[in-house]
Amino acid sequence: MAQSTFGALETAVLERHHDRIASLVSTVDINEYSYRHIGKTLLHHAVSLNDAETTALLLSNHARVHCQDIDDATPLHLAPSAAIAAMLLKHGASVHARRTDGATPLHNDD
């Protein structure tokens, strides 16, 4: 994996440039962790942004739904909408995964 290609893909995800994401997604290991946002994967970013198109694209390219950030949160913990959560669940995300504070994706932080 070339760090610069991953960086370009990460920028495309953060800025929601779907055409650019589609052209780069198969050229890097999409399950790598970010260099700029330590402990986050591209899937964490897409989910946090409530970007269903990018989330679906990453999942169709084998993004790992069980990846954890520095707080042990999986993308499902971060899912801001039922549509994103449903996508993650369809790809095998676990509602039983626990963050470092013990919360599962079923806990509401509000």
N, C-alpha and C. Protein backbone atom coordinates (compact mmCIF):
# COMPACT_ATOMS: atom_id res chain seq x y z
N MET A 1 0.85 -1.19 0.00
CA MET A 1 0.00 0.00 0.00
C MET A 1 0.88 1.24 0.00
N ALA A 2 0.59 2.13 -0.84
CA ALA A 2 1.30 3.40 -0.85
C ALA A 2 0.56 4.37 0.05
N GLN A 3 1.29 4.94 1.00
CA GLN A 3 0.66 5.86 1.95
C GLN A 3 0.00 7.04 1.23
N SER A 4 0.61 7.52 0.15
CA SER A 4 0.04 8.66 -0.55
C SER A 4 -1.28 8.30 -1.22
N THR A 5 -1.39 7.07 -1.75
CA THR A 5 -2.65 6.64 -2.34
C THR A 5 -3.71 6.49 -1.26
N PHE A 6 -3.33 5.91 -0.12
CA PHE A 6 -4.28 5.80 0.99
C PHE A 6 -4.71 7.18 1.44
N GLY A 7 -3.78 8.11 1.54
CA GLY A 7 -4.11 9.48 1.93
C GLY A 7 -5.08 10.13 0.97
N ALA A 8 -4.88 9.89 -0.33
CA ALA A 8 -5.80 10.44 -1.33
C ALA A 8 -7.19 9.84 -1.17
N LEU A 9 -7.24 8.54 -0.89
CA LEU A 9 -8.54 7.89 -0.68
C LEU A 9 -9.19 8.41 0.59
N GLU A 10 -8.41 8.57 1.65
CA GLU A 10 -8.96 9.10 2.90
C GLU A 10 -9.53 10.50 2.69
N THR A 11 -8.82 11.34 1.97
CA THR A 11 -9.31 12.68 1.67
C THR A 11 -10.62 12.61 0.88
N ALA A 12 -10.68 11.72 -0.10
CA ALA A 12 -11.90 11.56 -0.89
C ALA A 12 -13.07 11.12 -0.02
N VAL A 13 -12.82 10.22 0.93
CA VAL A 13 -13.88 9.78 1.85
C VAL A 13 -14.34 10.95 2.71
N LEU A 14 -13.40 11.67 3.29
CA LEU A 14 -13.75 12.78 4.19
C LEU A 14 -14.48 13.91 3.46
N GLU A 15 -14.19 14.06 2.17
CA GLU A 15 -14.81 15.13 1.39
C GLU A 15 -15.96 14.63 0.52
N ARG A 16 -16.28 13.35 0.64
CA ARG A 16 -17.41 12.73 -0.06
C ARG A 16 -17.31 12.84 -1.58
N HIS A 17 -16.13 12.58 -2.09
CA HIS A 17 -15.91 12.56 -3.54
C HIS A 17 -16.09 11.12 -4.03
N HIS A 18 -17.35 10.75 -4.26
CA HIS A 18 -17.68 9.36 -4.54
C HIS A 18 -17.02 8.80 -5.79
N ASP A 19 -16.89 9.59 -6.85
CA ASP A 19 -16.23 9.09 -8.07
C ASP A 19 -14.76 8.78 -7.79
N ARG A 20 -14.11 9.63 -7.04
CA ARG A 20 -12.70 9.42 -6.69
C ARG A 20 -12.55 8.19 -5.80
N ILE A 21 -13.47 8.04 -4.86
CA ILE A 21 -13.44 6.86 -3.98
C ILE A 21 -13.54 5.59 -4.82
N ALA A 22 -14.49 5.58 -5.74
CA ALA A 22 -14.70 4.40 -6.58
C ALA A 22 -13.45 4.05 -7.39
N SER A 23 -12.72 5.07 -7.83
CA SER A 23 -11.53 4.80 -8.64
C SER A 23 -10.33 4.35 -7.80
N LEU A 24 -10.30 4.71 -6.53
CA LEU A 24 -9.15 4.38 -5.68
C LEU A 24 -9.36 3.17 -4.77
N VAL A 25 -10.59 2.82 -4.49
CA VAL A 25 -10.88 1.85 -3.44
C VAL A 25 -10.22 0.49 -3.67
N SER A 26 -10.04 0.09 -4.91
CA SER A 26 -9.43 -1.21 -5.18
C SER A 26 -7.91 -1.17 -5.23
N THR A 27 -7.32 0.02 -5.04
CA THR A 27 -5.87 0.15 -5.18
C THR A 27 -5.12 0.13 -3.85
N VAL A 28 -5.84 0.13 -2.74
CA VAL A 28 -5.19 0.16 -1.42
C VAL A 28 -5.89 -0.82 -0.48
N ASP A 29 -5.27 -1.08 0.64
CA ASP A 29 -5.89 -1.87 1.70
C ASP A 29 -6.83 -0.95 2.46
N ILE A 30 -8.12 -1.06 2.20
CA ILE A 30 -9.08 -0.15 2.81
C ILE A 30 -9.26 -0.39 4.30
N ASN A 31 -8.67 -1.45 4.81
CA ASN A 31 -8.78 -1.74 6.24
C ASN A 31 -7.61 -1.19 7.05
N GLU A 32 -6.71 -0.49 6.40
CA GLU A 32 -5.62 0.17 7.11
C GLU A 32 -6.19 1.26 8.02
N TYR A 33 -5.46 1.56 9.05
CA TYR A 33 -5.86 2.65 9.93
C TYR A 33 -5.24 3.95 9.44
N SER A 34 -5.94 5.03 9.69
CA SER A 34 -5.55 6.35 9.22
C SER A 34 -4.23 6.80 9.83
N TYR A 35 -3.49 7.58 9.05
CA TYR A 35 -2.28 8.21 9.56
C TYR A 35 -2.61 9.58 10.15
N ARG A 36 -3.67 10.19 9.66
CA ARG A 36 -4.07 11.53 10.12
C ARG A 36 -5.04 11.48 11.30
N HIS A 37 -5.89 10.48 11.32
CA HIS A 37 -6.89 10.33 12.38
C HIS A 37 -6.62 8.99 13.05
N ILE A 38 -5.69 8.99 13.96
CA ILE A 38 -5.20 7.76 14.57
C ILE A 38 -6.37 6.94 15.12
N GLY A 39 -6.34 5.65 14.79
CA GLY A 39 -7.34 4.74 15.31
C GLY A 39 -8.62 4.67 14.52
N LYS A 40 -8.68 5.34 13.38
CA LYS A 40 -9.90 5.31 12.55
C LYS A 40 -9.59 4.64 11.22
N THR A 41 -10.56 3.90 10.72
CA THR A 41 -10.46 3.35 9.38
C THR A 41 -11.34 4.18 8.45
N LEU A 42 -11.25 3.90 7.17
CA LEU A 42 -12.11 4.60 6.21
C LEU A 42 -13.58 4.32 6.50
N LEU A 43 -13.88 3.11 6.96
CA LEU A 43 -15.27 2.79 7.29
C LEU A 43 -15.75 3.60 8.49
N HIS A 44 -14.90 3.77 9.50
CA HIS A 44 -15.27 4.64 10.62
C HIS A 44 -15.63 6.04 10.11
N HIS A 45 -14.80 6.57 9.20
CA HIS A 45 -15.05 7.91 8.66
C HIS A 45 -16.38 7.97 7.92
N ALA A 46 -16.60 7.05 7.00
CA ALA A 46 -17.82 7.07 6.18
C ALA A 46 -19.07 6.97 7.05
N VAL A 47 -19.02 6.09 8.04
CA VAL A 47 -20.17 5.92 8.93
C VAL A 47 -20.39 7.19 9.74
N SER A 48 -19.34 7.73 10.31
CA SER A 48 -19.46 8.95 11.12
C SER A 48 -20.05 10.11 10.32
N LEU A 49 -19.76 10.14 9.02
CA LEU A 49 -20.28 11.19 8.15
C LEU A 49 -21.70 10.90 7.66
N ASN A 50 -22.24 9.74 8.05
CA ASN A 50 -23.57 9.30 7.60
C ASN A 50 -23.62 9.24 6.07
N ASP A 51 -22.52 8.80 5.48
CA ASP A 51 -22.39 8.72 4.03
C ASP A 51 -22.70 7.29 3.58
N ALA A 52 -23.96 7.06 3.25
CA ALA A 52 -24.42 5.72 2.88
C ALA A 52 -23.74 5.22 1.61
N GLU A 53 -23.51 6.10 0.65
CA GLU A 53 -22.89 5.68 -0.62
C GLU A 53 -21.47 5.17 -0.40
N THR A 54 -20.68 5.91 0.36
CA THR A 54 -19.31 5.48 0.63
C THR A 54 -19.30 4.25 1.53
N THR A 55 -20.17 4.21 2.52
CA THR A 55 -20.25 3.04 3.40
C THR A 55 -20.53 1.80 2.57
N ALA A 56 -21.51 1.87 1.68
CA ALA A 56 -21.85 0.73 0.83
C ALA A 56 -20.68 0.33 -0.07
N LEU A 57 -19.99 1.32 -0.63
CA LEU A 57 -18.85 1.05 -1.50
C LEU A 57 -17.73 0.36 -0.74
N LEU A 58 -17.44 0.84 0.45
CA LEU A 58 -16.39 0.22 1.26
C LEU A 58 -16.77 -1.20 1.66
N LEU A 59 -18.02 -1.39 2.07
CA LEU A 59 -18.48 -2.72 2.46
C LEU A 59 -18.43 -3.69 1.27
N SER A 60 -18.79 -3.23 0.10
CA SER A 60 -18.75 -4.10 -1.08
C SER A 60 -17.31 -4.43 -1.49
N ASN A 61 -16.36 -3.67 -0.98
CA ASN A 61 -14.94 -3.93 -1.23
C ASN A 61 -14.26 -4.55 -0.01
N HIS A 62 -15.05 -5.19 0.83
CA HIS A 62 -14.57 -6.01 1.95
C HIS A 62 -13.99 -5.23 3.12
N ALA A 63 -14.53 -4.05 3.38
CA ALA A 63 -14.14 -3.34 4.60
C ALA A 63 -14.58 -4.18 5.80
N ARG A 64 -13.75 -4.26 6.80
CA ARG A 64 -14.07 -5.05 8.00
C ARG A 64 -15.02 -4.29 8.91
N VAL A 65 -16.18 -4.89 9.19
CA VAL A 65 -17.16 -4.24 10.06
C VAL A 65 -16.78 -4.35 11.53
N HIS A 66 -15.83 -5.23 11.86
CA HIS A 66 -15.45 -5.43 13.26
C HIS A 66 -14.23 -4.61 13.68
N CYS A 67 -13.71 -3.76 12.78
CA CYS A 67 -12.54 -2.96 13.14
C CYS A 67 -12.90 -2.01 14.29
N GLN A 68 -11.94 -1.80 15.16
CA GLN A 68 -12.17 -0.97 16.35
C GLN A 68 -11.25 0.24 16.33
N ASP A 69 -11.77 1.36 16.85
CA ASP A 69 -10.94 2.56 16.97
C ASP A 69 -10.22 2.53 18.31
N ILE A 70 -9.59 3.62 18.70
CA ILE A 70 -8.80 3.64 19.93
C ILE A 70 -9.65 3.49 21.19
N ASP A 71 -10.96 3.68 21.06
CA ASP A 71 -11.88 3.47 22.19
C ASP A 71 -12.61 2.14 22.06
N ASP A 72 -12.13 1.28 21.16
CA ASP A 72 -12.73 -0.01 20.83
C ASP A 72 -14.11 0.11 20.19
N ALA A 73 -14.46 1.28 19.68
CA ALA A 73 -15.74 1.45 19.00
C ALA A 73 -15.64 0.90 17.58
N THR A 74 -16.62 0.10 17.22
CA THR A 74 -16.73 -0.38 15.85
C THR A 74 -17.54 0.64 15.05
N PRO A 75 -17.55 0.54 13.74
CA PRO A 75 -18.40 1.45 12.98
C PRO A 75 -19.86 1.43 13.43
N LEU A 76 -20.36 0.29 13.87
CA LEU A 76 -21.75 0.23 14.33
C LEU A 76 -21.98 1.13 15.54
N HIS A 77 -21.00 1.25 16.41
CA HIS A 77 -21.12 2.17 17.56
C HIS A 77 -21.34 3.60 17.09
N LEU A 78 -20.79 3.93 15.93
CA LEU A 78 -20.82 5.30 15.42
C LEU A 78 -21.98 5.58 14.49
N ALA A 79 -22.74 4.56 14.12
CA ALA A 79 -23.80 4.70 13.12
C ALA A 79 -24.84 5.72 13.54
N PRO A 80 -24.99 6.81 12.76
CA PRO A 80 -25.92 7.88 13.11
C PRO A 80 -27.33 7.67 12.57
N SER A 81 -27.52 6.63 11.76
CA SER A 81 -28.84 6.42 11.18
C SER A 81 -29.16 4.93 11.11
N ALA A 82 -30.44 4.64 11.05
CA ALA A 82 -30.89 3.25 10.92
C ALA A 82 -30.42 2.64 9.61
N ALA A 83 -30.37 3.45 8.55
CA ALA A 83 -29.95 2.93 7.25
C ALA A 83 -28.49 2.46 7.28
N ILE A 84 -27.63 3.26 7.89
CA ILE A 84 -26.21 2.89 8.00
C ILE A 84 -26.08 1.66 8.91
N ALA A 85 -26.78 1.66 10.03
CA ALA A 85 -26.73 0.52 10.94
C ALA A 85 -27.18 -0.76 10.24
N ALA A 86 -28.25 -0.67 9.46
CA ALA A 86 -28.75 -1.84 8.74
C ALA A 86 -27.71 -2.39 7.76
N MET A 87 -27.02 -1.49 7.07
CA MET A 87 -25.95 -1.92 6.15
C MET A 87 -24.87 -2.69 6.90
N LEU A 88 -24.45 -2.13 8.03
CA LEU A 88 -23.39 -2.76 8.81
C LEU A 88 -23.84 -4.11 9.35
N LEU A 89 -25.07 -4.17 9.84
CA LEU A 89 -25.60 -5.43 10.36
C LEU A 89 -25.70 -6.48 9.27
N LYS A 90 -26.11 -6.08 8.08
CA LYS A 90 -26.21 -7.00 6.94
C LYS A 90 -24.85 -7.61 6.62
N HIS A 91 -23.79 -6.86 6.89
CA HIS A 91 -22.43 -7.35 6.62
C HIS A 91 -21.78 -7.99 7.85
N GLY A 92 -22.58 -8.27 8.88
CA GLY A 92 -22.08 -9.04 10.01
C GLY A 92 -21.63 -8.28 11.23
N ALA A 93 -21.90 -6.98 11.29
CA ALA A 93 -21.52 -6.21 12.49
C ALA A 93 -22.23 -6.77 13.72
N SER A 94 -21.55 -6.74 14.83
CA SER A 94 -22.10 -7.30 16.08
C SER A 94 -22.67 -6.22 16.99
N VAL A 95 -23.88 -6.47 17.47
CA VAL A 95 -24.49 -5.56 18.45
C VAL A 95 -23.91 -5.80 19.83
N HIS A 96 -23.07 -6.81 19.97
CA HIS A 96 -22.50 -7.16 21.28
C HIS A 96 -21.08 -6.62 21.48
N ALA A 97 -20.52 -5.99 20.47
CA ALA A 97 -19.17 -5.42 20.60
C ALA A 97 -19.18 -4.34 21.68
N ARG A 98 -18.15 -4.30 22.49
CA ARG A 98 -18.08 -3.32 23.59
C ARG A 98 -16.93 -2.35 23.40
N ARG A 99 -17.23 -1.08 23.65
CA ARG A 99 -16.18 -0.06 23.70
C ARG A 99 -15.45 -0.19 25.02
N THR A 100 -14.40 0.60 25.21
CA THR A 100 -13.64 0.55 26.46
C THR A 100 -14.49 0.92 27.66
N ASP A 101 -15.54 1.73 27.45
CA ASP A 101 -16.43 2.09 28.56
C ASP A 101 -17.54 1.07 28.79
N GLY A 102 -17.51 -0.03 28.04
CA GLY A 102 -18.48 -1.10 28.21
C GLY A 102 -19.74 -0.97 27.37
N ALA A 103 -19.92 0.14 26.70
CA ALA A 103 -21.13 0.36 25.90
C ALA A 103 -21.12 -0.50 24.64
N THR A 104 -22.29 -1.02 24.31
CA THR A 104 -22.48 -1.73 23.05
C THR A 104 -23.12 -0.77 22.06
N PRO A 105 -23.23 -1.15 20.80
CA PRO A 105 -23.90 -0.27 19.84
C PRO A 105 -25.37 0.00 20.19
N LEU A 106 -25.94 -0.79 21.06
CA LEU A 106 -27.34 -0.59 21.45
C LEU A 106 -27.51 0.51 22.48
N HIS A 107 -26.41 0.93 23.12
CA HIS A 107 -26.49 2.03 24.09
C HIS A 107 -26.65 3.35 23.35
N ASN A 108 -27.41 4.24 23.91
CA ASN A 108 -27.62 5.56 23.32
C ASN A 108 -26.82 6.57 24.13
N ASP A 109 -25.94 7.31 23.47
CA ASP A 109 -25.10 8.29 24.17
C ASP A 109 -25.81 9.59 24.46
N ASP A 110 -27.02 9.76 23.94
CA ASP A 110 -27.76 11.02 24.16
C ASP A 110 -28.28 11.14 25.57
